[in-house]
Each structure stands twice: as C-alpha cells, then as structure tokens.
C-alpha atoms as a PDB file:
ATOM      1  CA  MET A   1      25.594   3.431  -5.780  1.00  0.00           C
ATOM      2  CA  ALA A   2      23.790   4.474  -8.918  1.00  0.00           C
ATOM      3  CA  SER A   3      26.022   7.445  -9.314  1.00  0.00           C
ATOM      4  CA  ARG A   4      29.289   5.806  -8.734  1.00  0.00           C
ATOM      5  CA  LEU A   5      28.699   2.326 -10.342  1.00  0.00           C
ATOM      6  CA  GLY A   6      25.917   3.101 -12.766  1.00  0.00           C
ATOM      7  CA  VAL A   7      22.024   2.425 -12.611  1.00  0.00           C
ATOM      8  CA  ARG A   8      22.312  -1.027 -13.943  1.00  0.00           C
ATOM      9  CA  PRO A   9      24.515  -2.265 -11.103  1.00  0.00           C
ATOM     10  CA  ALA A  10      22.335  -0.535  -8.579  1.00  0.00           C
ATOM     11  CA  VAL A  11      19.159  -2.184  -9.961  1.00  0.00           C
ATOM     12  CA  ALA A  12      20.979  -5.613 -10.239  1.00  0.00           C
ATOM     13  CA  VAL A  13      22.039  -5.479  -6.536  1.00  0.00           C
ATOM     14  CA  GLY A  14      18.663  -4.549  -5.523  1.00  0.00           C
ATOM     15  CA  LEU A  15      16.957  -7.349  -7.546  1.00  0.00           C
ATOM     16  CA  SER A  16      19.480  -9.907  -6.434  1.00  0.00           C
ATOM     17  CA  ALA A  17      19.193  -9.047  -2.769  1.00  0.00           C
ATOM     18  CA  MET A  18      15.296  -8.877  -3.088  1.00  0.00           C
ATOM     19  CA  SER A  19      15.212 -12.390  -4.674  1.00  0.00           C
ATOM     20  CA  VAL A  20      17.550 -13.956  -2.074  1.00  0.00           C
ATOM     21  CA  SER A  21      15.834 -12.430   0.927  1.00  0.00           C
ATOM     22  CA  THR A  22      12.301 -13.225  -0.451  1.00  0.00           C
ATOM     23  CA  LEU A  23      13.492 -16.867  -0.661  1.00  0.00           C
ATOM     24  CA  VAL A  24      14.746 -16.842   2.843  1.00  0.00           C
ATOM     25  CA  PHE A  25      11.586 -15.156   4.025  1.00  0.00           C
ATOM     26  CA  GLY A  26       9.358 -17.867   2.419  1.00  0.00           C
ATOM     27  CA  PHE A  27      11.033 -20.762   4.077  1.00  0.00           C
ATOM     28  CA  SER A  28      12.200 -19.453   7.478  1.00  0.00           C
ATOM     29  CA  SER A  29      10.183 -19.791  10.719  1.00  0.00           C
ATOM     30  CA  SER A  30      12.686 -17.905  13.029  1.00  0.00           C
ATOM     31  CA  PRO A  31      11.487 -14.370  14.034  1.00  0.00           C
ATOM     32  CA  ALA A  32      15.051 -13.025  14.019  1.00  0.00           C
ATOM     33  CA  VAL A  33      15.692 -14.467  10.412  1.00  0.00           C
ATOM     34  CA  LEU A  34      12.441 -13.121   9.307  1.00  0.00           C
ATOM     35  CA  ASP A  35      13.156  -9.555  10.535  1.00  0.00           C
ATOM     36  CA  GLY A  36      16.593  -9.825   9.008  1.00  0.00           C
ATOM     37  CA  ALA A  37      15.178 -10.873   5.694  1.00  0.00           C
ATOM     38  CA  ARG A  38      12.603  -8.031   5.853  1.00  0.00           C
ATOM     39  CA  LEU A  39      15.352  -5.432   6.551  1.00  0.00           C
ATOM     40  CA  VAL A  40      17.372  -6.732   3.469  1.00  0.00           C
ATOM     41  CA  GLN A  41      14.211  -6.418   1.336  1.00  0.00           C
ATOM     42  CA  GLY A  42      13.957  -2.866   2.367  1.00  0.00           C
ATOM     43  CA  LEU A  43      17.612  -2.226   1.397  1.00  0.00           C
ATOM     44  CA  ALA A  44      17.054  -3.992  -1.775  1.00  0.00           C
ATOM     45  CA  GLY A  45      13.857  -2.003  -2.652  1.00  0.00           C
ATOM     46  CA  ALA A  46      15.798   1.218  -2.062  1.00  0.00           C
ATOM     47  CA  CYS A  47      18.493   0.119  -4.518  1.00  0.00           C
ATOM     48  CA  THR A  48      16.036  -0.921  -7.173  1.00  0.00           C
ATOM     49  CA  TRP A  49      13.659   2.065  -6.725  1.00  0.00           C
ATOM     50  CA  ALA A  50      16.336   4.733  -6.848  1.00  0.00           C
ATOM     51  CA  GLY A  51      18.381   2.982  -9.560  1.00  0.00           C
ATOM     52  CA  GLY A  52      15.303   2.180 -11.716  1.00  0.00           C
ATOM     53  CA  LEU A  53      13.817   5.598 -11.576  1.00  0.00           C
ATOM     54  CA  ALA A  54      17.170   7.280 -12.239  1.00  0.00           C
ATOM     55  CA  TRP A  55      17.437   4.972 -15.353  1.00  0.00           C
ATOM     56  CA  LEU A  56      14.129   6.108 -16.424  1.00  0.00           C
ATOM     57  CA  ALA A  57      14.646   9.795 -15.950  1.00  0.00           C
ATOM     58  CA  ALA A  58      18.042   9.805 -17.795  1.00  0.00           C
ATOM     59  CA  ALA A  59      16.623   7.791 -20.779  1.00  0.00           C
ATOM     60  CA  ALA A  60      13.394   9.749 -21.079  1.00  0.00           C
ATOM     61  CA  PRO A  61      13.326  13.156 -23.020  1.00  0.00           C
ATOM     62  CA  ALA A  62      12.739  16.067 -20.514  1.00  0.00           C
ATOM     63  CA  GLU A  63       9.300  16.965 -22.099  1.00  0.00           C
ATOM     64  CA  ARG A  64       7.944  13.379 -21.573  1.00  0.00           C
ATOM     65  CA  ARG A  65       9.584  12.706 -18.177  1.00  0.00           C
ATOM     66  CA  GLY A  66       6.446  13.290 -16.178  1.00  0.00           C
ATOM     67  CA  ARG A  67       4.491  10.656 -18.343  1.00  0.00           C
ATOM     68  CA  VAL A  68       7.309   8.072 -18.132  1.00  0.00           C
ATOM     69  CA  LEU A  69       7.416   8.440 -14.261  1.00  0.00           C
ATOM     70  CA  GLY A  70       3.617   8.142 -14.079  1.00  0.00           C
ATOM     71  CA  LEU A  71       3.825   4.936 -15.990  1.00  0.00           C
ATOM     72  CA  ALA A  72       6.515   3.689 -13.489  1.00  0.00           C
ATOM     73  CA  PHE A  73       4.329   4.526 -10.430  1.00  0.00           C
ATOM     74  CA  ALA A  74       1.432   2.746 -12.192  1.00  0.00           C
ATOM     75  CA  ALA A  75       3.650  -0.237 -12.593  1.00  0.00           C
ATOM     76  CA  ALA A  76       4.591  -0.037  -8.940  1.00  0.00           C
ATOM     77  CA  LEU A  77       0.951   0.128  -7.836  1.00  0.00           C
ATOM     78  CA  GLY A  78       0.287  -2.858 -10.185  1.00  0.00           C
ATOM     79  CA  GLY A  79       2.783  -4.803  -8.229  1.00  0.00           C
ATOM     80  CA  ALA A  80       1.140  -3.754  -5.040  1.00  0.00           C
ATOM     81  CA  LEU A  81      -2.143  -5.202  -6.138  1.00  0.00           C
ATOM     82  CA  VAL A  82      -0.316  -8.503  -6.768  1.00  0.00           C
ATOM     83  CA  GLY A  83       0.642  -8.705  -3.093  1.00  0.00           C
ATOM     84  CA  PRO A  84      -2.752  -9.736  -1.638  1.00  0.00           C
ATOM     85  CA  VAL A  85      -2.927 -12.414  -4.557  1.00  0.00           C
ATOM     86  CA  VAL A  86       0.531 -13.787  -3.367  1.00  0.00           C
ATOM     87  CA  GLY A  87      -0.870 -13.840   0.045  1.00  0.00           C
ATOM     88  CA  ALA A  88      -3.876 -15.807  -0.938  1.00  0.00           C
ATOM     89  CA  VAL A  89      -1.788 -18.294  -2.936  1.00  0.00           C
ATOM     90  CA  ALA A  90       0.543 -18.635   0.209  1.00  0.00           C
ATOM     91  CA  SER A  91      -2.560 -19.471   2.215  1.00  0.00           C
ATOM     92  CA  ARG A  92      -3.356 -22.523   0.049  1.00  0.00           C
ATOM     93  CA  VAL A  93       0.129 -23.676  -1.181  1.00  0.00           C
ATOM     94  CA  GLY A  94       2.438 -22.483   1.600  1.00  0.00           C
ATOM     95  CA  THR A  95       4.600 -19.611   2.139  1.00  0.00           C
ATOM     96  CA  GLY A  96       7.722 -21.541   0.735  1.00  0.00           C
ATOM     97  CA  PRO A  97       6.322 -21.980  -2.863  1.00  0.00           C
ATOM     98  CA  ALA A  98       4.511 -18.795  -2.950  1.00  0.00           C
ATOM     99  CA  PHE A  99       7.696 -16.658  -1.998  1.00  0.00           C
ATOM    100  CA  ALA A 100       9.940 -18.859  -4.159  1.00  0.00           C
ATOM    101  CA  ALA A 101       7.781 -17.874  -7.228  1.00  0.00           C
ATOM    102  CA  ALA A 102       8.147 -14.270  -6.308  1.00  0.00           C
ATOM    103  CA  GLY A 103      12.018 -14.687  -5.951  1.00  0.00           C
ATOM    104  CA  ILE A 104      12.029 -16.356  -9.450  1.00  0.00           C
ATOM    105  CA  ALA A 105      10.191 -13.403 -10.747  1.00  0.00           C
ATOM    106  CA  GLY A 106      13.091 -11.138  -9.474  1.00  0.00           C
ATOM    107  CA  VAL A 107      15.608 -13.330 -11.102  1.00  0.00           C
ATOM    108  CA  VAL A 108      13.762 -12.928 -14.462  1.00  0.00           C
ATOM    109  CA  LEU A 109      13.692  -9.180 -14.079  1.00  0.00           C
ATOM    110  CA  LEU A 110      17.461  -9.281 -13.154  1.00  0.00           C
ATOM    111  CA  LEU A 111      18.206 -11.170 -16.453  1.00  0.00           C
ATOM    112  CA  ALA A 112      15.973  -8.616 -18.351  1.00  0.00           C
ATOM    113  CA  THR A 113      17.861  -5.763 -17.040  1.00  0.00           C
ATOM    114  CA  MET A 114      21.126  -7.211 -18.566  1.00  0.00           C
ATOM    115  CA  THR A 115      19.614  -6.814 -21.969  1.00  0.00           C
ATOM    116  CA  MET A 116      18.462  -3.256 -21.702  1.00  0.00           C
ATOM    117  CA  PRO A 117      20.564  -0.292 -23.000  1.00  0.00           C
ATOM    118  CA  THR A 118      21.515   2.064 -20.257  1.00  0.00           C
ATOM    119  CA  PRO A 119      21.982   5.890 -20.566  1.00  0.00           C
ATOM    120  CA  GLU A 120      25.492   7.331 -20.454  1.00  0.00           C
ATOM    121  CA  ALA A 121      26.953   7.134 -16.898  1.00  0.00           C
ATOM    122  CA  GLY A 122      28.051  10.713 -16.760  1.00  0.00           C
ATOM    123  CA  GLU A 123      30.361  12.096 -14.030  1.00  0.00           C
ATOM    124  CA  ARG A 124      30.730  10.166 -10.915  1.00  0.00           C
ATOM    125  CA  GLN A 125      29.394  12.049  -7.907  1.00  0.00           C
ATOM    126  CA  SER A 126      29.714  11.607  -4.157  1.00  0.00           C
ATOM    127  CA  LEU A 127      26.910  11.730  -1.579  1.00  0.00           C
ATOM    128  CA  ARG A 128      28.280  15.176  -0.372  1.00  0.00           C
ATOM    129  CA  LEU A 129      26.574  16.872  -3.382  1.00  0.00           C
ATOM    130  CA  ALA A 130      23.084  15.586  -2.509  1.00  0.00           C
ATOM    131  CA  LEU A 131      22.633  17.965   0.495  1.00  0.00           C
ATOM    132  CA  PRO A 132      23.647  21.252  -1.235  1.00  0.00           C
ATOM    133  CA  ALA A 133      21.114  20.327  -3.938  1.00  0.00           C
ATOM    134  CA  LEU A 134      18.387  20.877  -1.365  1.00  0.00           C
ATOM    135  CA  ARG A 135      18.763  24.586  -2.038  1.00  0.00           C
ATOM    136  CA  GLU A 136      17.124  23.952  -5.473  1.00  0.00           C
ATOM    137  CA  PRO A 137      13.562  25.045  -5.168  1.00  0.00           C
ATOM    138  CA  ALA A 138      12.290  22.160  -7.443  1.00  0.00           C
ATOM    139  CA  ILE A 139      14.239  19.458  -5.416  1.00  0.00           C
ATOM    140  CA  ALA A 140      12.958  20.900  -2.060  1.00  0.00           C
ATOM    141  CA  ALA A 141       9.436  21.260  -3.296  1.00  0.00           C
ATOM    142  CA  GLY A 142       9.430  17.813  -4.794  1.00  0.00           C
ATOM    143  CA  MET A 143      10.842  16.269  -1.619  1.00  0.00           C
ATOM    144  CA  TRP A 144       8.174  18.094   0.402  1.00  0.00           C
ATOM    145  CA  LEU A 145       5.365  16.578  -1.784  1.00  0.00           C
ATOM    146  CA  THR A 146       6.956  13.127  -1.550  1.00  0.00           C
ATOM    147  CA  THR A 147       7.269  13.564   2.300  1.00  0.00           C
ATOM    148  CA  LEU A 148       3.508  14.728   2.575  1.00  0.00           C
ATOM    149  CA  ALA A 149       2.455  11.630   0.601  1.00  0.00           C
ATOM    150  CA  GLY A 150       4.378   9.491   2.873  1.00  0.00           C
ATOM    151  CA  ILE A 151       2.982  11.245   5.888  1.00  0.00           C
ATOM    152  CA  ALA A 152      -0.561  10.744   4.601  1.00  0.00           C
ATOM    153  CA  PHE A 153      -0.093   7.005   4.084  1.00  0.00           C
ATOM    154  CA  GLY A 154       1.461   6.567   7.426  1.00  0.00           C
ATOM    155  CA  VAL A 155      -1.668   7.918   9.076  1.00  0.00           C
ATOM    156  CA  ILE A 156      -4.011   6.031   6.691  1.00  0.00           C
ATOM    157  CA  ASP A 157      -2.231   2.657   7.049  1.00  0.00           C
ATOM    158  CA  VAL A 158      -2.428   2.721  10.765  1.00  0.00           C
ATOM    159  CA  LEU A 159      -5.773   4.327  11.627  1.00  0.00           C
ATOM    160  CA  VAL A 160      -8.204   3.533   8.636  1.00  0.00           C
ATOM    161  CA  PRO A 161      -8.095  -0.292   9.189  1.00  0.00           C
ATOM    162  CA  LEU A 162      -8.913   0.312  12.711  1.00  0.00           C
ATOM    163  CA  ARG A 163     -11.767   2.752  11.820  1.00  0.00           C
ATOM    164  CA  LEU A 164     -13.196   0.410   9.377  1.00  0.00           C
ATOM    165  CA  SER A 165     -13.023  -2.482  11.854  1.00  0.00           C
ATOM    166  CA  SER A 166     -14.736  -0.531  14.395  1.00  0.00           C
ATOM    167  CA  LEU A 167     -17.665   0.009  11.996  1.00  0.00           C
ATOM    168  CA  GLY A 168     -17.915  -3.634  11.570  1.00  0.00           C
ATOM    169  CA  ALA A 169     -16.048  -4.186   8.256  1.00  0.00           C
ATOM    170  CA  THR A 170     -14.353  -7.470   7.682  1.00  0.00           C
ATOM    171  CA  ALA A 171     -10.694  -8.109   6.790  1.00  0.00           C
ATOM    172  CA  VAL A 172     -11.982  -8.784   3.218  1.00  0.00           C
ATOM    173  CA  VAL A 173     -13.758  -5.403   2.999  1.00  0.00           C
ATOM    174  CA  ILE A 174     -10.691  -3.580   4.443  1.00  0.00           C
ATOM    175  CA  SER A 175      -8.402  -5.172   1.882  1.00  0.00           C
ATOM    176  CA  ALA A 176     -10.932  -4.381  -0.953  1.00  0.00           C
ATOM    177  CA  ALA A 177     -10.878  -0.693   0.131  1.00  0.00           C
ATOM    178  CA  PHE A 178      -7.108  -0.456  -0.293  1.00  0.00           C
ATOM    179  CA  LEU A 179      -7.098  -2.611  -3.368  1.00  0.00           C
ATOM    180  CA  GLY A 180      -9.695  -0.447  -5.109  1.00  0.00           C
ATOM    181  CA  ALA A 181      -7.750   2.817  -4.013  1.00  0.00           C
ATOM    182  CA  ALA A 182      -4.573   1.462  -5.491  1.00  0.00           C
ATOM    183  CA  ALA A 183      -6.171   0.466  -8.700  1.00  0.00           C
ATOM    184  CA  LEU A 184      -7.644   3.842  -9.230  1.00  0.00           C
ATOM    185  CA  GLU A 185      -4.320   5.550  -8.414  1.00  0.00           C
ATOM    186  CA  GLY A 186      -2.516   3.369 -10.731  1.00  0.00           C
ATOM    187  CA  ALA A 187      -4.910   4.153 -13.573  1.00  0.00           C
ATOM    188  CA  LEU A 188      -4.512   8.043 -12.765  1.00  0.00           C
ATOM    189  CA  SER A 189      -0.754   8.140 -12.492  1.00  0.00           C
ATOM    190  CA  PRO A 190      -0.088   8.175 -16.240  1.00  0.00           C
ATOM    191  CA  PHE A 191      -2.700  10.794 -16.692  1.00  0.00           C
ATOM    192  CA  ILE A 192      -1.216  12.839 -13.830  1.00  0.00           C
ATOM    193  CA  GLY A 193       2.156  12.557 -15.459  1.00  0.00           C
ATOM    194  CA  ARG A 194       0.897  13.807 -18.867  1.00  0.00           C
ATOM    195  CA  ILE A 195      -0.703  16.871 -17.189  1.00  0.00           C
ATOM    196  CA  SER A 196       2.621  17.470 -15.499  1.00  0.00           C
ATOM    197  CA  ASP A 197       4.401  17.517 -18.773  1.00  0.00           C
ATOM    198  CA  ARG A 198       1.929  19.691 -20.447  1.00  0.00           C
ATOM    199  CA  TYR A 199       0.830  22.325 -17.841  1.00  0.00           C
ATOM    200  CA  GLY A 200       3.722  21.997 -15.280  1.00  0.00           C
ATOM    201  CA  SER A 201       4.248  19.960 -12.281  1.00  0.00           C
ATOM    202  CA  LEU A 202       2.121  22.120  -9.957  1.00  0.00           C
ATOM    203  CA  ALA A 203      -1.100  21.926 -12.047  1.00  0.00           C
ATOM    204  CA  PRO A 204      -2.197  18.454 -10.747  1.00  0.00           C
ATOM    205  CA  VAL A 205      -0.733  19.165  -7.373  1.00  0.00           C
ATOM    206  CA  ARG A 206      -3.161  22.083  -6.711  1.00  0.00           C
ATOM    207  CA  VAL A 207      -6.174  19.916  -7.458  1.00  0.00           C
ATOM    208  CA  SER A 208      -4.856  16.826  -5.494  1.00  0.00           C
ATOM    209  CA  LEU A 209      -4.178  18.909  -2.347  1.00  0.00           C
ATOM    210  CA  VAL A 210      -7.735  20.425  -2.397  1.00  0.00           C
ATOM    211  CA  VAL A 211      -9.306  16.974  -2.599  1.00  0.00           C
ATOM    212  CA  ALA A 212      -6.853  15.625   0.087  1.00  0.00           C
ATOM    213  CA  VAL A 213      -7.958  18.191   2.549  1.00  0.00           C
ATOM    214  CA  ALA A 214     -11.595  17.207   2.122  1.00  0.00           C
ATOM    215  CA  VAL A 215     -10.868  13.380   2.362  1.00  0.00           C
ATOM    216  CA  SER A 216      -8.679  13.960   5.451  1.00  0.00           C
ATOM    217  CA  VAL A 217     -11.316  15.828   7.301  1.00  0.00           C
ATOM    218  CA  VAL A 218     -14.223  13.557   6.447  1.00  0.00           C
ATOM    219  CA  ILE A 219     -12.677  10.117   7.009  1.00  0.00           C
ATOM    220  CA  PRO A 220     -13.064   9.916  10.849  1.00  0.00           C
ATOM    221  CA  PHE A 221     -16.752  11.052  10.743  1.00  0.00           C
ATOM    222  CA  VAL A 222     -18.130   9.012   7.768  1.00  0.00           C
ATOM    223  CA  ARG A 223     -20.386   6.093   8.513  1.00  0.00           C
ATOM    224  CA  PRO A 224     -21.589   3.432   7.779  1.00  0.00           C
ATOM    225  CA  SER A 225     -18.526   1.317   6.587  1.00  0.00           C
ATOM    226  CA  TRP A 226     -19.695   0.822   3.017  1.00  0.00           C
ATOM    227  CA  LEU A 227     -19.819   4.654   2.627  1.00  0.00           C
ATOM    228  CA  LEU A 228     -16.292   5.048   4.106  1.00  0.00           C
ATOM    229  CA  VAL A 229     -15.037   2.427   1.722  1.00  0.00           C
ATOM    230  CA  ALA A 230     -16.410   4.429  -1.268  1.00  0.00           C
ATOM    231  CA  VAL A 231     -14.762   7.610   0.179  1.00  0.00           C
ATOM    232  CA  LEU A 232     -11.540   5.725   0.473  1.00  0.00           C
ATOM    233  CA  VAL A 233     -11.536   4.329  -2.976  1.00  0.00           C
ATOM    234  CA  VAL A 234     -12.288   7.569  -4.597  1.00  0.00           C
ATOM    235  CA  GLY A 235     -10.314   9.915  -2.159  1.00  0.00           C
ATOM    236  CA  LEU A 236      -7.049   8.004  -1.326  1.00  0.00           C
ATOM    237  CA  PRO A 237      -5.578   8.505  -4.880  1.00  0.00           C
ATOM    238  CA  SER A 238      -5.330  12.245  -4.133  1.00  0.00           C
ATOM    239  CA  PHE A 239      -2.582  11.451  -1.574  1.00  0.00           C
ATOM    240  CA  GLY A 240      -0.740   8.835  -3.698  1.00  0.00           C
ATOM    241  CA  VAL A 241      -0.653  10.990  -7.036  1.00  0.00           C
ATOM    242  CA  LEU A 242       1.541  13.499  -5.411  1.00  0.00           C
ATOM    243  CA  PHE A 243       4.445  11.011  -5.882  1.00  0.00           C
ATOM    244  CA  VAL A 244       4.286  11.665  -9.755  1.00  0.00           C
ATOM    245  CA  PRO A 245       4.758  15.399  -9.929  1.00  0.00           C
ATOM    246  CA  GLY A 246       7.018  15.396  -6.813  1.00  0.00           C
ATOM    247  CA  SER A 247       9.283  12.941  -8.638  1.00  0.00           C
ATOM    248  CA  ALA A 248       9.133  15.020 -11.822  1.00  0.00           C
ATOM    249  CA  MET A 249      10.141  18.124  -9.908  1.00  0.00           C
ATOM    250  CA  ILE A 250      13.164  16.270  -8.153  1.00  0.00           C
ATOM    251  CA  SER A 251      14.318  15.155 -11.565  1.00  0.00           C
ATOM    252  CA  GLU A 252      13.935  18.553 -13.080  1.00  0.00           C
ATOM    253  CA  GLY A 253      15.730  20.107 -10.173  1.00  0.00           C
ATOM    254  CA  ALA A 254      18.580  17.444 -10.424  1.00  0.00           C
ATOM    255  CA  ASP A 255      18.999  18.340 -14.115  1.00  0.00           C
ATOM    256  CA  ARG A 256      19.375  22.138 -13.279  1.00  0.00           C
ATOM    257  CA  ARG A 257      21.882  21.325 -10.397  1.00  0.00           C
ATOM    258  CA  GLN A 258      23.732  18.798 -12.633  1.00  0.00           C
ATOM    259  CA  LEU A 259      23.049  16.265  -9.871  1.00  0.00           C
ATOM    260  CA  HIS A 260      22.962  12.606 -10.774  1.00  0.00           C
ATOM    261  CA  GLN A 261      19.414  11.254 -10.969  1.00  0.00           C
ATOM    262  CA  GLY A 262      20.335   8.432  -8.688  1.00  0.00           C
ATOM    263  CA  LEU A 263      21.141  10.821  -5.982  1.00  0.00           C
ATOM    264  CA  GLY A 264      17.922  12.848  -6.659  1.00  0.00           C
ATOM    265  CA  PHE A 265      15.781   9.756  -6.316  1.00  0.00           C
ATOM    266  CA  GLY A 266      17.779   8.748  -3.266  1.00  0.00           C
ATOM    267  CA  LEU A 267      16.604  11.948  -1.663  1.00  0.00           C
ATOM    268  CA  ALA A 268      13.033  11.164  -2.809  1.00  0.00           C
ATOM    269  CA  ASN A 269      13.338   7.617  -1.149  1.00  0.00           C
ATOM    270  CA  LEU A 270      14.608   9.236   2.054  1.00  0.00           C
ATOM    271  CA  ALA A 271      11.616  11.733   1.962  1.00  0.00           C
ATOM    272  CA  TRP A 272       8.932   9.120   1.556  1.00  0.00           C
ATOM    273  CA  ALA A 273      10.255   6.685   4.113  1.00  0.00           C
ATOM    274  CA  ALA A 274      10.863   9.366   6.624  1.00  0.00           C
ATOM    275  CA  GLY A 275       7.351  10.840   6.193  1.00  0.00           C
ATOM    276  CA  GLN A 276       5.616   7.444   6.437  1.00  0.00           C
ATOM    277  CA  GLY A 277       7.772   6.139   9.341  1.00  0.00           C
ATOM    278  CA  VAL A 278       7.263   9.149  11.574  1.00  0.00           C
ATOM    279  CA  ALA A 279       3.627   9.514  10.796  1.00  0.00           C
ATOM    280  CA  ALA A 280       2.836   5.888  11.331  1.00  0.00           C
ATOM    281  CA  ALA A 281       4.311   6.084  14.792  1.00  0.00           C
ATOM    282  CA  ALA A 282       2.984   9.478  15.678  1.00  0.00           C
ATOM    283  CA  SER A 283      -0.573   9.015  14.391  1.00  0.00           C
ATOM    284  CA  GLY A 284      -1.130   6.125  16.596  1.00  0.00           C
ATOM    285  CA  ALA A 285       0.260   7.785  19.697  1.00  0.00           C
ATOM    286  CA  LEU A 286      -1.788  10.957  18.951  1.00  0.00           C
ATOM    287  CA  ALA A 287      -4.976   9.069  18.415  1.00  0.00           C
ATOM    288  CA  GLN A 288      -4.507   7.151  21.635  1.00  0.00           C
ATOM    289  CA  ALA A 289      -3.713  10.309  23.663  1.00  0.00           C
ATOM    290  CA  THR A 290      -6.488  12.354  22.273  1.00  0.00           C
ATOM    291  CA  VAL A 291      -9.380  11.096  19.871  1.00  0.00           C
ATOM    292  CA  ASP A 292      -9.072   9.211  16.614  1.00  0.00           C
ATOM    293  CA  ALA A 293     -10.027  12.347  14.551  1.00  0.00           C
ATOM    294  CA  PHE A 294      -7.266  14.428  15.719  1.00  0.00           C
ATOM    295  CA  PRO A 295      -4.357  13.000  13.392  1.00  0.00           C
ATOM    296  CA  PHE A 296      -6.769  13.214  10.452  1.00  0.00           C
ATOM    297  CA  LEU A 297      -7.646  16.772  11.108  1.00  0.00           C
ATOM    298  CA  LEU A 298      -3.911  17.620  11.712  1.00  0.00           C
ATOM    299  CA  LEU A 299      -3.208  15.907   8.390  1.00  0.00           C
ATOM    300  CA  GLY A 300      -5.968  17.941   6.632  1.00  0.00           C
ATOM    301  CA  ALA A 301      -4.371  21.227   8.122  1.00  0.00           C
ATOM    302  CA  VAL A 302      -0.944  20.319   6.709  1.00  0.00           C
ATOM    303  CA  PHE A 303      -2.494  19.643   3.282  1.00  0.00           C
ATOM    304  CA  ALA A 304      -4.305  23.108   3.444  1.00  0.00           C
ATOM    305  CA  VAL A 305      -1.204  24.927   4.305  1.00  0.00           C
ATOM    306  CA  THR A 306       0.544  23.362   1.436  1.00  0.00           C
ATOM    307  CA  ALA A 307      -2.366  23.977  -0.859  1.00  0.00           C
ATOM    308  CA  VAL A 308      -2.245  27.719  -0.036  1.00  0.00           C
ATOM    309  CA  ALA A 309       1.584  27.910  -0.495  1.00  0.00           C
ATOM    310  CA  VAL A 310       1.400  26.450  -4.075  1.00  0.00           C
ATOM    311  CA  GLN A 311      -1.274  28.894  -5.287  1.00  0.00           C
ATOM    312  CA  PRO A 312      -0.013  31.719  -7.566  1.00  0.00           C
ATOM    313  CA  SER A 313      -1.360  34.370  -5.325  1.00  0.00           C
ATOM    314  CA  SER A 314       0.836  33.075  -2.481  1.00  0.00           C
ATOM    315  CA  ARG A 315       3.891  34.764  -4.124  1.00  0.00           C
ATOM    316  CA  ARG A 316       2.748  38.091  -3.204  1.00  0.00           C
ATOM    317  CA  LEU A 317       2.062  36.990   0.473  1.00  0.00           C
ATOM    318  CA  TYR A 318       5.594  35.714   0.498  1.00  0.00           C
ATOM    319  CA  ARG A 319       7.008  39.135  -0.618  1.00  0.00           C
ATOM    320  CA  ARG A 320       4.775  41.044   1.726  1.00  0.00           C
ATOM    321  CA  PHE A 321       6.597  39.083   4.696  1.00  0.00           C
ATOM    322  CA  GLY A 322      10.042  39.356   3.097  1.00  0.00           C
ATOM    323  CA  VAL A 323      10.238  35.530   2.389  1.00  0.00           C
ATOM    324  CA  PRO A 324      12.070  34.694  -0.921  1.00  0.00           C
ATOM    325  CA  ARG A 325      10.098  32.872  -3.412  1.00  0.00           C
END
C-alpha cells in the first residue's frame, strides 16, 4: 500500500481504522465484536507502522537514519508506557470514555499527517519485489535481528509474569517491571541510533547480544522477586534495542536494492510478528513439557550463536567451511 499509493495514504488508512476499531472496542461487550475490533487494530497498526517508518526513512538523510529511527522507537515505547495509564483511567471512568479518548487522539494524528510534507513517491513497486530483496545481506541480517527481538519478547511476555507471580510479586509489581524496562529502552533507543550512524549498525548489536545472553540465562534462577525486577529493568532493553539497528540495516539494504522503504518495513513487520507469535506459543508449550528454565536457556543459546556470527573473526570461520560471507 505504501509503495503503490504512497506513505501518507498508508498511514491515513491505518490511523482511521485504528480510531474506529478502538472506539468499537471501548463500547462493545460482545466477545466476537471485541475479537474483530482487535484484529482490525492489528491490521491498522501494520499500516501505520510500515507507512510511518517508510516515511521517516525516505525523508531522513542516510547518515542520520539510525538516529531518526531510534527516536521513532523511543516514541513507540513512550506510547506503550501510556497503555497502563489508559487502563487505569478506564477502571475509573469506564472503558467507553477511555477508549473514545484514544480514538480521538488517533483522529488528531490523522489530521496532523495531512499537513506534513511527504517525500517523493518514486516508482511504484509490487509485492513480488520484496522476496528477491531477501538476498541482500543487510535486509536478511536486519530481519533476523528483528525476528530475534520478537522471539525474545514472545518468551518474556508469556513466562516472566508467571515467574514473578510464583515468587510472590503482585500485579502492580509485575507491571512496574515492564514499565521500567520500557522506559529505559525508550531512553536508550536514540543513543543506539546515533551509535549505528557513527560506527555502523553492528557496533551496538554486538554489545546488546552479549548482555542478552546473560539476561536470558539468569532470569529463571534469580530470586527473590525484587532482585528479578531489577534484572528485568536493566536487562530487557538489551532485547528491544535490536529493533533500531535491525531497522537501520533493512532501510540501508532497501536503498541498495532500490526497494521501496514501505516494502522493506513491511518485511520488518512480518519478521517481528512471526518471531513473537511463534515464540509466545512455543515457549509456553516447552515450559509445560520440560521445565520453566528450558525456553530461557534455549533463547540464550540463540543469542549466543548470533553473537558469534556477527563478530569480525567469524568471517574466517565462514570461509573455512566454504560459506559465503
């Protein structure tokens, strides 16, 4: 949609559908209608996210793209921090007024997009061009980092609340842990973007992966709950900051392949959603079939393999086994 119609129409469709579905979600009491509204919200979010990031990437100079994308992810995390606030308001005034206010905010954003200049549309491209672009190393690597972050959050979102609850943490404490981690990640995202611009996208990735290995391994064994909360607040951003260099790599690869940025970030959306969806289902099944620590240790192993693969010395290892770099 962003490639054929332009980034503004894609964002406008996403914001419009999000506003309407959010309004329906706030006032409905039918499970079927709620599920349908939630599905439309997901589709709308895909339009807004892919179109919005494509808009940013096309408008920003190449040497500042990582910083701009970092600010975008910081804004996204800021929005995520508002979510629990909306929930608290809804518990006092009702879901209808609370979600209606969120819908109105979407309409305000929609009107604002109509006043913003858009980059040149460029040549229209079909979806068929997206798959051959996966042969571009930067796009493939960026998609894997995005998938890996999605996998990590799929495991975390399912098993960490259960772990904290088993240690006696209340719902407020569990929420505070995720809010603290999101706030720190939002503060780090622009910084990570600047490092990507200055030293290359892999510079922050190497540090993040090493920290992620340690965090994945210790989460199932840390106790009491307050210490685990501290580990989560400090450690979970090592998962989420992978989105920034991953997106920058996808955008750079799209430029080299002359692929529309909307198609590039559509691939990023697909990678993130697939990783989180599969991991959320698989981690719960694995934990139930084995022990709770097993999915975390498996996640740490995947991070470790990726960390080895992105080291400069790994190129010699690839050549030794005849694998192209």
